[in-house]
């Protein structure tokens, strides 16, 4: 994965409160068959990582922009 410059946590217009997001680990296939994990690539603060063969979202790093949700081909990241 390509290294990204450090970015300060910033306000994002239209952000979604983190208490409302759901990551469905049963739906997420870690972008099987693709060269890179789509949601992790679009995350500018590297809040998504793989841990023990599962996707993990780091709440401390996440800016709540929801770009990962729109990038996920399986719809495994939902905001409610």
PDB file of N, CA and C in Angstrom:
ATOM      1  N   UNK A   1       0.837  -1.171   0.000  1.00  0.00           N
ATOM      2  CA  UNK A   1       0.000   0.000   0.000  1.00  0.00           C
ATOM      3  C   UNK A   1       0.884   1.237   0.000  1.00  0.00           C
ATOM      4  N   UNK A   2       0.463   2.235  -0.708  1.00  0.00           N
ATOM      5  CA  UNK A   2       1.223   3.463  -0.858  1.00  0.00           C
ATOM      6  C   UNK A   2       1.129   4.308   0.413  1.00  0.00           C
ATOM      7  N   UNK A   3       2.255   4.883   0.815  1.00  0.00           N
ATOM      8  CA  UNK A   3       2.285   5.730   2.004  1.00  0.00           C
ATOM      9  C   UNK A   3       1.667   7.083   1.690  1.00  0.00           C
ATOM     10  N   UNK A   4       0.927   7.611   2.642  1.00  0.00           N
ATOM     11  CA  UNK A   4       0.289   8.910   2.460  1.00  0.00           C
ATOM     12  C   UNK A   4       0.857   9.893   3.472  1.00  0.00           C
ATOM     13  N   UNK A   5       0.878  11.169   3.136  1.00  0.00           N
ATOM     14  CA  UNK A   5       1.376  12.165   4.093  1.00  0.00           C
ATOM     15  C   UNK A   5       0.467  12.222   5.314  1.00  0.00           C
ATOM     16  N   UNK A   6       1.049  12.578   6.447  1.00  0.00           N
ATOM     17  CA  UNK A   6       0.244  12.732   7.661  1.00  0.00           C
ATOM     18  C   UNK A   6      -0.732  13.879   7.466  1.00  0.00           C
ATOM     19  N   UNK A   7      -1.952  13.649   7.847  1.00  0.00           N
ATOM     20  CA  UNK A   7      -2.965  14.693   7.743  1.00  0.00           C
ATOM     21  C   UNK A   7      -3.625  14.853   9.095  1.00  0.00           C
ATOM     22  N   UNK A   8      -3.873  16.093   9.454  1.00  0.00           N
ATOM     23  CA  UNK A   8      -4.556  16.361  10.709  1.00  0.00           C
ATOM     24  C   UNK A   8      -6.022  16.004  10.565  1.00  0.00           C
ATOM     25  N   UNK A   9      -6.607  15.548  11.664  1.00  0.00           N
ATOM     26  CA  UNK A   9      -8.042  15.286  11.672  1.00  0.00           C
ATOM     27  C   UNK A   9      -8.746  16.609  11.417  1.00  0.00           C
ATOM     28  N   UNK A  10      -9.646  16.609  10.486  1.00  0.00           N
ATOM     29  CA  UNK A  10     -10.322  17.846  10.138  1.00  0.00           C
ATOM     30  C   UNK A  10     -11.812  17.618   9.993  1.00  0.00           C
ATOM     31  N   UNK A  11     -12.541  18.680  10.049  1.00  0.00           N
ATOM     32  CA  UNK A  11     -13.979  18.605   9.878  1.00  0.00           C
ATOM     33  C   UNK A  11     -14.288  18.347   8.408  1.00  0.00           C
ATOM     34  N   UNK A  12     -15.237  17.474   8.152  1.00  0.00           N
ATOM     35  CA  UNK A  12     -15.657  17.175   6.789  1.00  0.00           C
ATOM     36  C   UNK A  12     -17.149  17.474   6.705  1.00  0.00           C
ATOM     37  N   UNK A  13     -17.516  18.361   5.788  1.00  0.00           N
ATOM     38  CA  UNK A  13     -18.919  18.717   5.639  1.00  0.00           C
ATOM     39  C   UNK A  13     -19.734  17.486   5.290  1.00  0.00           C
ATOM     40  N   UNK A  14     -20.843  17.308   5.966  1.00  0.00           N
ATOM     41  CA  UNK A  14     -21.704  16.168   5.699  1.00  0.00           C
ATOM     42  C   UNK A  14     -21.222  14.882   6.335  1.00  0.00           C
ATOM     43  N   UNK A  15     -20.329  14.968   7.279  1.00  0.00           N
ATOM     44  CA  UNK A  15     -19.789  13.756   7.891  1.00  0.00           C
ATOM     45  C   UNK A  15     -20.869  12.999   8.654  1.00  0.00           C
ATOM     46  N   UNK A  16     -20.605  11.745   8.920  1.00  0.00           N
ATOM     47  CA  UNK A  16     -21.552  10.869   9.587  1.00  0.00           C
ATOM     48  C   UNK A  16     -21.022  10.557  10.982  1.00  0.00           C
ATOM     49  N   UNK A  17     -21.831  10.707  12.037  1.00  0.00           N
ATOM     50  CA  UNK A  17     -21.351  10.378  13.378  1.00  0.00           C
ATOM     51  C   UNK A  17     -20.915   8.917  13.455  1.00  0.00           C
ATOM     52  N   UNK A  18     -19.737   8.664  14.028  1.00  0.00           N
ATOM     53  CA  UNK A  18     -19.184   7.311  14.058  1.00  0.00           C
ATOM     54  C   UNK A  18     -20.048   6.327  14.829  1.00  0.00           C
ATOM     55  N   UNK A  19     -20.856   6.789  15.737  1.00  0.00           N
ATOM     56  CA  UNK A  19     -21.704   5.868  16.486  1.00  0.00           C
ATOM     57  C   UNK A  19     -22.735   5.201  15.583  1.00  0.00           C
ATOM     58  N   UNK A  20     -22.870   5.697  14.369  1.00  0.00           N
ATOM     59  CA  UNK A  20     -23.883   5.185  13.447  1.00  0.00           C
ATOM     60  C   UNK A  20     -23.335   4.261  12.362  1.00  0.00           C
ATOM     61  N   UNK A  21     -22.016   4.017  12.305  1.00  0.00           N
ATOM     62  CA  UNK A  21     -21.505   3.177  11.222  1.00  0.00           C
ATOM     63  C   UNK A  21     -21.465   1.719  11.628  1.00  0.00           C
ATOM     64  N   UNK A  22     -21.648   0.872  10.634  1.00  0.00           N
ATOM     65  CA  UNK A  22     -21.636  -0.575  10.840  1.00  0.00           C
ATOM     66  C   UNK A  22     -20.736  -1.191   9.781  1.00  0.00           C
ATOM     67  N   UNK A  23     -19.802  -2.010  10.213  1.00  0.00           N
ATOM     68  CA  UNK A  23     -18.936  -2.751   9.301  1.00  0.00           C
ATOM     69  C   UNK A  23     -19.360  -4.211   9.350  1.00  0.00           C
ATOM     70  N   UNK A  24     -19.877  -4.723   8.255  1.00  0.00           N
ATOM     71  CA  UNK A  24     -20.325  -6.112   8.180  1.00  0.00           C
ATOM     72  C   UNK A  24     -19.158  -6.987   7.739  1.00  0.00           C
ATOM     73  N   UNK A  25     -18.497  -7.612   8.704  1.00  0.00           N
ATOM     74  CA  UNK A  25     -17.320  -8.428   8.395  1.00  0.00           C
ATOM     75  C   UNK A  25     -17.687  -9.692   7.626  1.00  0.00           C
ATOM     76  N   UNK A  26     -18.946 -10.104   7.667  1.00  0.00           N
ATOM     77  CA  UNK A  26     -19.374 -11.273   6.897  1.00  0.00           C
ATOM     78  C   UNK A  26     -19.569 -10.937   5.422  1.00  0.00           C
ATOM     79  N   UNK A  27     -19.877  -9.692   5.122  1.00  0.00           N
ATOM     80  CA  UNK A  27     -20.047  -9.250   3.738  1.00  0.00           C
ATOM     81  C   UNK A  27     -18.717  -8.863   3.110  1.00  0.00           C
ATOM     82  N   UNK A  28     -17.830  -8.277   3.904  1.00  0.00           N
ATOM     83  CA  UNK A  28     -16.527  -7.836   3.396  1.00  0.00           C
ATOM     84  C   UNK A  28     -15.685  -9.041   2.986  1.00  0.00           C
ATOM     85  N   UNK A  29     -15.235  -9.039   1.733  1.00  0.00           N
ATOM     86  CA  UNK A  29     -14.357 -10.117   1.252  1.00  0.00           C
ATOM     87  C   UNK A  29     -12.945  -9.596   0.999  1.00  0.00           C
ATOM     88  N   UNK A  30     -12.639  -8.429   1.590  1.00  0.00           N
ATOM     89  CA  UNK A  30     -11.332  -7.789   1.428  1.00  0.00           C
ATOM     90  C   UNK A  30     -10.990  -7.580  -0.039  1.00  0.00           C
ATOM     91  N   UNK A  31     -12.023  -7.283  -0.822  1.00  0.00           N
ATOM     92  CA  UNK A  31     -11.875  -7.038  -2.266  1.00  0.00           C
ATOM     93  C   UNK A  31     -11.182  -8.204  -2.972  1.00  0.00           C
ATOM     94  N   UNK A  32     -11.656  -9.391  -2.684  1.00  0.00           N
ATOM     95  CA  UNK A  32     -11.094 -10.605  -3.289  1.00  0.00           C
ATOM     96  C   UNK A  32     -11.043 -10.479  -4.802  1.00  0.00           C
ATOM     97  N   UNK A  33      -9.915 -10.851  -5.371  1.00  0.00           N
ATOM     98  CA  UNK A  33      -9.729 -10.790  -6.808  1.00  0.00           C
ATOM     99  C   UNK A  33      -9.232  -9.438  -7.306  1.00  0.00           C
ATOM    100  N   UNK A  34      -9.148  -8.479  -6.424  1.00  0.00           N
ATOM    101  CA  UNK A  34      -8.645  -7.156  -6.804  1.00  0.00           C
ATOM    102  C   UNK A  34      -7.236  -6.987  -6.257  1.00  0.00           C
ATOM    103  N   UNK A  35      -6.473  -6.114  -6.854  1.00  0.00           N
ATOM    104  CA  UNK A  35      -5.084  -5.924  -6.423  1.00  0.00           C
ATOM    105  C   UNK A  35      -4.978  -5.098  -5.145  1.00  0.00           C
ATOM    106  N   UNK A  36      -5.994  -4.279  -4.849  1.00  0.00           N
ATOM    107  CA  UNK A  36      -5.964  -3.439  -3.655  1.00  0.00           C
ATOM    108  C   UNK A  36      -7.342  -3.403  -3.011  1.00  0.00           C
ATOM    109  N   UNK A  37      -7.377  -3.077  -1.736  1.00  0.00           N
ATOM    110  CA  UNK A  37      -8.636  -2.984  -1.006  1.00  0.00           C
ATOM    111  C   UNK A  37      -9.201  -1.577  -1.215  1.00  0.00           C
ATOM    112  N   UNK A  38     -10.344  -1.504  -1.886  1.00  0.00           N
ATOM    113  CA  UNK A  38     -10.911  -0.232  -2.352  1.00  0.00           C
ATOM    114  C   UNK A  38     -11.112   0.790  -1.242  1.00  0.00           C
ATOM    115  N   UNK A  39     -11.689   0.387  -0.136  1.00  0.00           N
ATOM    116  CA  UNK A  39     -11.975   1.355   0.930  1.00  0.00           C
ATOM    117  C   UNK A  39     -10.700   1.896   1.561  1.00  0.00           C
ATOM    118  N   UNK A  40      -9.684   1.054   1.681  1.00  0.00           N
ATOM    119  CA  UNK A  40      -8.414   1.485   2.277  1.00  0.00           C
ATOM    120  C   UNK A  40      -7.681   2.460   1.360  1.00  0.00           C
ATOM    121  N   UNK A  41      -7.782   2.259   0.058  1.00  0.00           N
ATOM    122  CA  UNK A  41      -7.114   3.137  -0.906  1.00  0.00           C
ATOM    123  C   UNK A  41      -7.697   4.546  -0.856  1.00  0.00           C
ATOM    124  N   UNK A  42      -9.003   4.662  -0.722  1.00  0.00           N
ATOM    125  CA  UNK A  42      -9.651   5.976  -0.741  1.00  0.00           C
ATOM    126  C   UNK A  42      -9.504   6.718   0.593  1.00  0.00           C
ATOM    127  N   UNK A  43      -9.122   6.033   1.651  1.00  0.00           N
ATOM    128  CA  UNK A  43      -8.996   6.660   2.971  1.00  0.00           C
ATOM    129  C   UNK A  43      -7.711   7.481   3.063  1.00  0.00           C
ATOM    130  N   UNK A  44      -7.857   8.792   3.169  1.00  0.00           N
ATOM    131  CA  UNK A  44      -6.696   9.682   3.177  1.00  0.00           C
ATOM    132  C   UNK A  44      -5.931   9.676   4.492  1.00  0.00           C
ATOM    133  N   UNK A  45      -6.516   9.121   5.546  1.00  0.00           N
ATOM    134  CA  UNK A  45      -5.849   9.107   6.853  1.00  0.00           C
ATOM    135  C   UNK A  45      -5.452   7.697   7.298  1.00  0.00           C
ATOM    136  N   UNK A  46      -5.587   6.734   6.395  1.00  0.00           N
ATOM    137  CA  UNK A  46      -5.220   5.337   6.659  1.00  0.00           C
ATOM    138  C   UNK A  46      -5.905   4.782   7.905  1.00  0.00           C
ATOM    139  N   UNK A  47      -7.205   5.043   8.019  1.00  0.00           N
ATOM    140  CA  UNK A  47      -7.982   4.566   9.160  1.00  0.00           C
ATOM    141  C   UNK A  47      -8.432   3.119   8.999  1.00  0.00           C
ATOM    142  N   UNK A  48      -8.247   2.549   7.818  1.00  0.00           N
ATOM    143  CA  UNK A  48      -8.648   1.166   7.577  1.00  0.00           C
ATOM    144  C   UNK A  48      -7.426   0.276   7.450  1.00  0.00           C
ATOM    145  N   UNK A  49      -7.498  -0.882   8.085  1.00  0.00           N
ATOM    146  CA  UNK A  49      -6.384  -1.830   8.009  1.00  0.00           C
ATOM    147  C   UNK A  49      -6.935  -3.249   8.110  1.00  0.00           C
ATOM    148  N   UNK A  50      -6.093  -4.201   7.750  1.00  0.00           N
ATOM    149  CA  UNK A  50      -6.442  -5.611   7.869  1.00  0.00           C
ATOM    150  C   UNK A  50      -5.791  -6.151   9.130  1.00  0.00           C
ATOM    151  N   UNK A  51      -6.588  -6.783   9.975  1.00  0.00           N
ATOM    152  CA  UNK A  51      -6.098  -7.385  11.208  1.00  0.00           C
ATOM    153  C   UNK A  51      -6.727  -8.764  11.328  1.00  0.00           C
ATOM    154  N   UNK A  52      -5.895  -9.792  11.346  1.00  0.00           N
ATOM    155  CA  UNK A  52      -6.372 -11.174  11.465  1.00  0.00           C
ATOM    156  C   UNK A  52      -7.411 -11.498  10.384  1.00  0.00           C
ATOM    157  N   UNK A  53      -7.094 -11.123   9.145  1.00  0.00           N
ATOM    158  CA  UNK A  53      -7.927 -11.386   7.965  1.00  0.00           C
ATOM    159  C   UNK A  53      -9.297 -10.711   8.015  1.00  0.00           C
ATOM    160  N   UNK A  54      -9.408  -9.600   8.761  1.00  0.00           N
ATOM    161  CA  UNK A  54     -10.644  -8.823   8.797  1.00  0.00           C
ATOM    162  C   UNK A  54     -10.317  -7.340   8.672  1.00  0.00           C
ATOM    163  N   UNK A  55     -11.241  -6.613   8.077  1.00  0.00           N
ATOM    164  CA  UNK A  55     -11.097  -5.166   7.966  1.00  0.00           C
ATOM    165  C   UNK A  55     -11.414  -4.522   9.310  1.00  0.00           C
ATOM    166  N   UNK A  56     -10.585  -3.569   9.704  1.00  0.00           N
ATOM    167  CA  UNK A  56     -10.779  -2.838  10.959  1.00  0.00           C
ATOM    168  C   UNK A  56     -10.740  -1.349  10.639  1.00  0.00           C
ATOM    169  N   UNK A  57     -11.680  -0.598  11.197  1.00  0.00           N
ATOM    170  CA  UNK A  57     -11.688   0.852  11.050  1.00  0.00           C
ATOM    171  C   UNK A  57     -11.229   1.457  12.372  1.00  0.00           C
ATOM    172  N   UNK A  58     -10.163   2.223  12.314  1.00  0.00           N
ATOM    173  CA  UNK A  58      -9.614   2.873  13.504  1.00  0.00           C
ATOM    174  C   UNK A  58     -10.403   4.152  13.772  1.00  0.00           C
ATOM    175  N   UNK A  59     -11.203   4.145  14.817  1.00  0.00           N
ATOM    176  CA  UNK A  59     -12.068   5.290  15.139  1.00  0.00           C
ATOM    177  C   UNK A  59     -11.270   6.535  15.510  1.00  0.00           C
ATOM    178  N   UNK A  60     -10.064   6.351  16.002  1.00  0.00           N
ATOM    179  CA  UNK A  60      -9.231   7.499  16.367  1.00  0.00           C
ATOM    180  C   UNK A  60      -8.724   8.246  15.128  1.00  0.00           C
ATOM    181  N   UNK A  61      -8.482   7.520  14.051  1.00  0.00           N
ATOM    182  CA  UNK A  61      -7.974   8.131  12.822  1.00  0.00           C
ATOM    183  C   UNK A  61      -9.080   8.584  11.872  1.00  0.00           C
ATOM    184  N   UNK A  62     -10.205   7.906  11.917  1.00  0.00           N
ATOM    185  CA  UNK A  62     -11.290   8.153  10.968  1.00  0.00           C
ATOM    186  C   UNK A  62     -11.802   9.587  11.056  1.00  0.00           C
ATOM    187  N   UNK A  63     -11.949  10.228   9.884  1.00  0.00           N
ATOM    188  CA  UNK A  63     -12.464  11.600   9.794  1.00  0.00           C
ATOM    189  C   UNK A  63     -13.975  11.630   9.587  1.00  0.00           C
ATOM    190  N   UNK A  64     -14.607  10.469   9.511  1.00  0.00           N
ATOM    191  CA  UNK A  64     -16.057  10.360   9.356  1.00  0.00           C
ATOM    192  C   UNK A  64     -16.560  10.905   8.020  1.00  0.00           C
ATOM    193  N   UNK A  65     -15.750  10.798   6.979  1.00  0.00           N
ATOM    194  CA  UNK A  65     -16.133  11.342   5.672  1.00  0.00           C
ATOM    195  C   UNK A  65     -17.048  10.402   4.885  1.00  0.00           C
ATOM    196  N   UNK A  66     -17.016   9.113   5.182  1.00  0.00           N
ATOM    197  CA  UNK A  66     -17.851   8.088   4.544  1.00  0.00           C
ATOM    198  C   UNK A  66     -17.436   7.763   3.108  1.00  0.00           C
ATOM    199  N   UNK A  67     -16.261   8.200   2.674  1.00  0.00           N
ATOM    200  CA  UNK A  67     -15.787   7.838   1.335  1.00  0.00           C
ATOM    201  C   UNK A  67     -15.599   6.328   1.212  1.00  0.00           C
ATOM    202  N   UNK A  68     -15.207   5.677   2.288  1.00  0.00           N
ATOM    203  CA  UNK A  68     -15.003   4.225   2.257  1.00  0.00           C
ATOM    204  C   UNK A  68     -16.304   3.503   1.905  1.00  0.00           C
ATOM    205  N   UNK A  69     -17.404   4.003   2.421  1.00  0.00           N
ATOM    206  CA  UNK A  69     -18.698   3.389   2.138  1.00  0.00           C
ATOM    207  C   UNK A  69     -19.007   3.420   0.648  1.00  0.00           C
ATOM    208  N   UNK A  70     -18.812   4.561   0.023  1.00  0.00           N
ATOM    209  CA  UNK A  70     -19.134   4.670  -1.401  1.00  0.00           C
ATOM    210  C   UNK A  70     -18.172   3.878  -2.269  1.00  0.00           C
ATOM    211  N   UNK A  71     -16.998   3.592  -1.772  1.00  0.00           N
ATOM    212  CA  UNK A  71     -15.989   2.863  -2.549  1.00  0.00           C
ATOM    213  C   UNK A  71     -16.123   1.346  -2.403  1.00  0.00           C
ATOM    214  N   UNK A  72     -16.785   0.869  -1.356  1.00  0.00           N
ATOM    215  CA  UNK A  72     -16.890  -0.575  -1.098  1.00  0.00           C
ATOM    216  C   UNK A  72     -17.790  -1.257  -2.128  1.00  0.00           C
ATOM    217  N   UNK A  73     -17.249  -2.195  -2.919  1.00  0.00           N
ATOM    218  CA  UNK A  73     -18.044  -2.855  -3.950  1.00  0.00           C
ATOM    219  C   UNK A  73     -19.084  -3.825  -3.387  1.00  0.00           C
ATOM    220  N   UNK A  74     -18.933  -4.245  -2.137  1.00  0.00           N
ATOM    221  CA  UNK A  74     -19.856  -5.202  -1.526  1.00  0.00           C
ATOM    222  C   UNK A  74     -20.865  -4.551  -0.581  1.00  0.00           C
ATOM    223  N   UNK A  75     -20.714  -3.268  -0.326  1.00  0.00           N
ATOM    224  CA  UNK A  75     -21.634  -2.591   0.587  1.00  0.00           C
ATOM    225  C   UNK A  75     -21.459  -3.014   2.035  1.00  0.00           C
ATOM    226  N   UNK A  76     -20.239  -3.388   2.394  1.00  0.00           N
ATOM    227  CA  UNK A  76     -19.975  -3.891   3.744  1.00  0.00           C
ATOM    228  C   UNK A  76     -19.886  -2.784   4.786  1.00  0.00           C
ATOM    229  N   UNK A  77     -19.691  -1.545   4.349  1.00  0.00           N
ATOM    230  CA  UNK A  77     -19.613  -0.423   5.275  1.00  0.00           C
ATOM    231  C   UNK A  77     -20.885   0.395   5.107  1.00  0.00           C
ATOM    232  N   UNK A  78     -21.654   0.476   6.166  1.00  0.00           N
ATOM    233  CA  UNK A  78     -22.922   1.201   6.126  1.00  0.00           C
ATOM    234  C   UNK A  78     -22.978   2.233   7.235  1.00  0.00           C
ATOM    235  N   UNK A  79     -23.644   3.337   6.972  1.00  0.00           N
ATOM    236  CA  UNK A  79     -23.865   4.376   7.964  1.00  0.00           C
ATOM    237  C   UNK A  79     -25.364   4.499   8.166  1.00  0.00           C
ATOM    238  N   UNK A  80     -25.780   4.396   9.411  1.00  0.00           N
ATOM    239  CA  UNK A  80     -27.222   4.424   9.716  1.00  0.00           C
ATOM    240  C   UNK A  80     -27.520   5.481  10.736  1.00  0.00           C
TER     241      UNK A  80
END
